[in-house]
Amino acid sequence: MKTFKKHKKNLREVNGKIYSYDTHVATIVRDTQFEDGHILQHGWWSVTTQRHINYVAGEYDLKVIKEYEQV
């Protein structure tokens, strides 16, 4: 389990899964057509949770792909 400098109480990563509070909201995907991988966001979330996802993406320098926008 990894916690981050910001949002220590409510944001964590466990085996590539991003948890905001106690909800699995995104997954880090490394083996894709994207050179360095991406973060796959699993749904449409509150402003705070979206801030958490974007923060993790910035920490790992990854692009956020929203699952619900994929066809």
N, C-alpha and C. Protein backbone atom coordinates (compact mmCIF):
# COMPACT_ATOMS: atom_id res chain seq x y z
N MET A 1 0.85 -1.18 0.00
CA MET A 1 0.00 0.00 0.00
C MET A 1 0.89 1.23 0.00
N LYS A 2 0.53 2.20 -0.83
CA LYS A 2 1.27 3.45 -0.90
C LYS A 2 0.32 4.60 -0.59
N THR A 3 0.79 5.53 0.24
CA THR A 3 0.07 6.77 0.44
C THR A 3 0.87 7.88 -0.24
N PHE A 4 0.27 9.03 -0.40
CA PHE A 4 0.89 10.13 -1.13
C PHE A 4 1.13 11.31 -0.19
N LYS A 5 1.99 12.23 -0.60
CA LYS A 5 2.32 13.40 0.23
C LYS A 5 1.07 14.21 0.54
N LYS A 6 0.25 14.44 -0.48
CA LYS A 6 -1.01 15.13 -0.28
C LYS A 6 -2.12 14.09 -0.14
N HIS A 7 -3.18 14.46 0.49
CA HIS A 7 -4.37 13.60 0.62
C HIS A 7 -4.05 12.29 1.35
N LYS A 8 -3.17 12.33 2.34
CA LYS A 8 -2.70 11.12 3.02
C LYS A 8 -3.82 10.27 3.62
N LYS A 9 -4.83 10.89 4.18
CA LYS A 9 -5.87 10.13 4.87
C LYS A 9 -6.83 9.43 3.92
N ASN A 10 -7.08 10.04 2.75
CA ASN A 10 -8.18 9.56 1.91
C ASN A 10 -7.77 9.04 0.54
N LEU A 11 -6.47 8.93 0.28
CA LEU A 11 -6.01 8.48 -1.03
C LEU A 11 -4.89 7.47 -0.85
N ARG A 12 -5.00 6.33 -1.58
CA ARG A 12 -3.94 5.34 -1.51
C ARG A 12 -3.92 4.50 -2.79
N GLU A 13 -2.79 3.84 -2.99
CA GLU A 13 -2.63 2.91 -4.10
C GLU A 13 -2.29 1.54 -3.54
N VAL A 14 -2.99 0.53 -3.99
CA VAL A 14 -2.74 -0.84 -3.58
C VAL A 14 -2.64 -1.69 -4.84
N ASN A 15 -1.43 -2.17 -5.13
CA ASN A 15 -1.20 -3.02 -6.31
C ASN A 15 -1.76 -2.41 -7.60
N GLY A 16 -1.52 -1.13 -7.82
CA GLY A 16 -1.96 -0.47 -9.03
C GLY A 16 -3.40 0.00 -9.01
N LYS A 17 -4.12 -0.27 -7.95
CA LYS A 17 -5.51 0.19 -7.83
C LYS A 17 -5.51 1.46 -6.98
N ILE A 18 -6.21 2.48 -7.46
CA ILE A 18 -6.29 3.76 -6.76
C ILE A 18 -7.60 3.79 -5.97
N TYR A 19 -7.47 4.07 -4.68
CA TYR A 19 -8.63 4.16 -3.79
C TYR A 19 -8.76 5.58 -3.28
N SER A 20 -9.94 6.15 -3.46
CA SER A 20 -10.29 7.43 -2.89
C SER A 20 -11.29 7.11 -1.79
N TYR A 21 -10.94 7.48 -0.57
CA TYR A 21 -11.66 7.03 0.61
C TYR A 21 -11.58 5.50 0.60
N ASP A 22 -12.65 4.77 0.54
CA ASP A 22 -12.57 3.30 0.50
C ASP A 22 -13.08 2.73 -0.82
N THR A 23 -13.16 3.57 -1.85
CA THR A 23 -13.71 3.16 -3.12
C THR A 23 -12.61 3.04 -4.17
N HIS A 24 -12.60 1.90 -4.88
CA HIS A 24 -11.65 1.70 -5.99
C HIS A 24 -12.15 2.54 -7.16
N VAL A 25 -11.42 3.62 -7.50
CA VAL A 25 -11.89 4.57 -8.49
C VAL A 25 -11.12 4.54 -9.80
N ALA A 26 -9.92 3.95 -9.78
CA ALA A 26 -9.10 3.93 -10.99
C ALA A 26 -8.03 2.84 -10.86
N THR A 27 -7.44 2.49 -12.00
CA THR A 27 -6.39 1.48 -12.04
C THR A 27 -5.25 1.97 -12.91
N ILE A 28 -4.03 1.77 -12.45
CA ILE A 28 -2.86 2.10 -13.25
C ILE A 28 -2.63 0.94 -14.22
N VAL A 29 -2.58 1.26 -15.51
CA VAL A 29 -2.39 0.26 -16.56
C VAL A 29 -1.06 0.56 -17.23
N ARG A 30 -0.16 -0.41 -17.20
CA ARG A 30 1.19 -0.19 -17.74
C ARG A 30 1.43 -0.83 -19.10
N ASP A 31 0.72 -1.85 -19.49
CA ASP A 31 1.01 -2.57 -20.73
C ASP A 31 -0.05 -2.27 -21.79
N THR A 32 0.06 -1.10 -22.41
CA THR A 32 -0.92 -0.68 -23.41
C THR A 32 -0.22 -0.02 -24.58
N GLN A 33 -1.00 0.53 -25.48
CA GLN A 33 -0.43 1.25 -26.62
C GLN A 33 0.18 2.58 -26.19
N PHE A 34 -0.16 3.07 -24.98
CA PHE A 34 0.44 4.29 -24.49
C PHE A 34 1.85 3.97 -24.02
N GLU A 35 2.80 4.81 -24.37
CA GLU A 35 4.22 4.53 -24.12
C GLU A 35 4.51 4.22 -22.66
N ASP A 36 3.99 5.01 -21.74
CA ASP A 36 4.28 4.82 -20.32
C ASP A 36 3.09 4.30 -19.53
N GLY A 37 2.05 3.89 -20.22
CA GLY A 37 0.84 3.45 -19.54
C GLY A 37 -0.12 4.61 -19.31
N HIS A 38 -1.15 4.36 -18.53
CA HIS A 38 -2.15 5.38 -18.22
C HIS A 38 -2.90 4.98 -16.96
N ILE A 39 -3.77 5.86 -16.53
CA ILE A 39 -4.66 5.56 -15.42
C ILE A 39 -6.06 5.43 -16.00
N LEU A 40 -6.69 4.29 -15.78
CA LEU A 40 -8.05 4.04 -16.26
C LEU A 40 -9.02 4.41 -15.14
N GLN A 41 -9.79 5.45 -15.37
CA GLN A 41 -10.76 5.92 -14.39
C GLN A 41 -12.06 5.15 -14.55
N HIS A 42 -12.56 4.58 -13.45
CA HIS A 42 -13.74 3.71 -13.49
C HIS A 42 -15.02 4.43 -13.10
N GLY A 43 -15.39 5.43 -13.82
CA GLY A 43 -16.66 6.09 -13.53
C GLY A 43 -16.51 7.59 -13.40
N TRP A 44 -17.64 8.22 -13.15
CA TRP A 44 -17.69 9.66 -13.01
C TRP A 44 -17.82 9.95 -11.54
N TRP A 45 -16.90 10.75 -10.97
CA TRP A 45 -16.80 10.92 -9.54
C TRP A 45 -16.97 12.36 -9.10
N SER A 46 -17.03 12.54 -7.80
CA SER A 46 -17.14 13.88 -7.22
C SER A 46 -15.89 14.70 -7.55
N VAL A 47 -15.97 15.98 -7.29
CA VAL A 47 -14.84 16.88 -7.53
C VAL A 47 -13.62 16.43 -6.72
N THR A 48 -13.83 16.08 -5.48
CA THR A 48 -12.71 15.66 -4.61
C THR A 48 -12.06 14.39 -5.13
N THR A 49 -12.86 13.40 -5.49
CA THR A 49 -12.31 12.15 -6.00
C THR A 49 -11.60 12.38 -7.32
N GLN A 50 -12.15 13.22 -8.18
CA GLN A 50 -11.48 13.53 -9.45
C GLN A 50 -10.14 14.21 -9.17
N ARG A 51 -10.10 15.05 -8.16
CA ARG A 51 -8.85 15.69 -7.76
C ARG A 51 -7.83 14.63 -7.32
N HIS A 52 -8.28 13.62 -6.60
CA HIS A 52 -7.40 12.53 -6.18
C HIS A 52 -6.81 11.81 -7.39
N ILE A 53 -7.67 11.45 -8.34
CA ILE A 53 -7.22 10.73 -9.54
C ILE A 53 -6.21 11.58 -10.32
N ASN A 54 -6.53 12.84 -10.51
CA ASN A 54 -5.63 13.73 -11.25
C ASN A 54 -4.31 13.91 -10.51
N TYR A 55 -4.34 13.94 -9.20
CA TYR A 55 -3.13 14.07 -8.41
C TYR A 55 -2.22 12.86 -8.63
N VAL A 56 -2.79 11.66 -8.57
CA VAL A 56 -2.00 10.45 -8.79
C VAL A 56 -1.42 10.45 -10.21
N ALA A 57 -2.22 10.84 -11.18
CA ALA A 57 -1.74 10.91 -12.56
C ALA A 57 -0.55 11.85 -12.67
N GLY A 58 -0.61 12.97 -11.99
CA GLY A 58 0.50 13.91 -11.99
C GLY A 58 1.73 13.36 -11.31
N GLU A 59 1.54 12.65 -10.21
CA GLU A 59 2.67 12.06 -9.49
C GLU A 59 3.41 11.03 -10.34
N TYR A 60 2.68 10.26 -11.13
CA TYR A 60 3.28 9.22 -11.96
C TYR A 60 3.49 9.67 -13.41
N ASP A 61 3.10 10.90 -13.73
CA ASP A 61 3.20 11.43 -15.08
C ASP A 61 2.48 10.53 -16.08
N LEU A 62 1.23 10.21 -15.76
CA LEU A 62 0.40 9.36 -16.60
C LEU A 62 -0.84 10.11 -17.06
N LYS A 63 -1.37 9.73 -18.20
CA LYS A 63 -2.60 10.29 -18.73
C LYS A 63 -3.80 9.57 -18.11
N VAL A 64 -4.88 10.30 -17.86
CA VAL A 64 -6.12 9.71 -17.34
C VAL A 64 -7.03 9.39 -18.52
N ILE A 65 -7.44 8.14 -18.63
CA ILE A 65 -8.40 7.69 -19.63
C ILE A 65 -9.68 7.33 -18.89
N LYS A 66 -10.78 7.94 -19.29
CA LYS A 66 -12.06 7.70 -18.62
C LYS A 66 -12.77 6.54 -19.29
N GLU A 67 -13.00 5.50 -18.52
CA GLU A 67 -13.61 4.27 -19.02
C GLU A 67 -14.94 4.54 -19.71
N TYR A 68 -15.74 5.45 -19.16
CA TYR A 68 -17.07 5.70 -19.70
C TYR A 68 -17.03 6.48 -21.01
N GLU A 69 -15.89 7.02 -21.40
CA GLU A 69 -15.78 7.73 -22.67
C GLU A 69 -15.27 6.82 -23.79
N GLN A 70 -14.85 5.61 -23.43
CA GLN A 70 -14.34 4.65 -24.43
C GLN A 70 -15.51 3.95 -25.11
N VAL A 71 -15.39 3.76 -26.41
CA VAL A 71 -16.46 3.11 -27.16
C VAL A 71 -16.00 1.75 -27.60
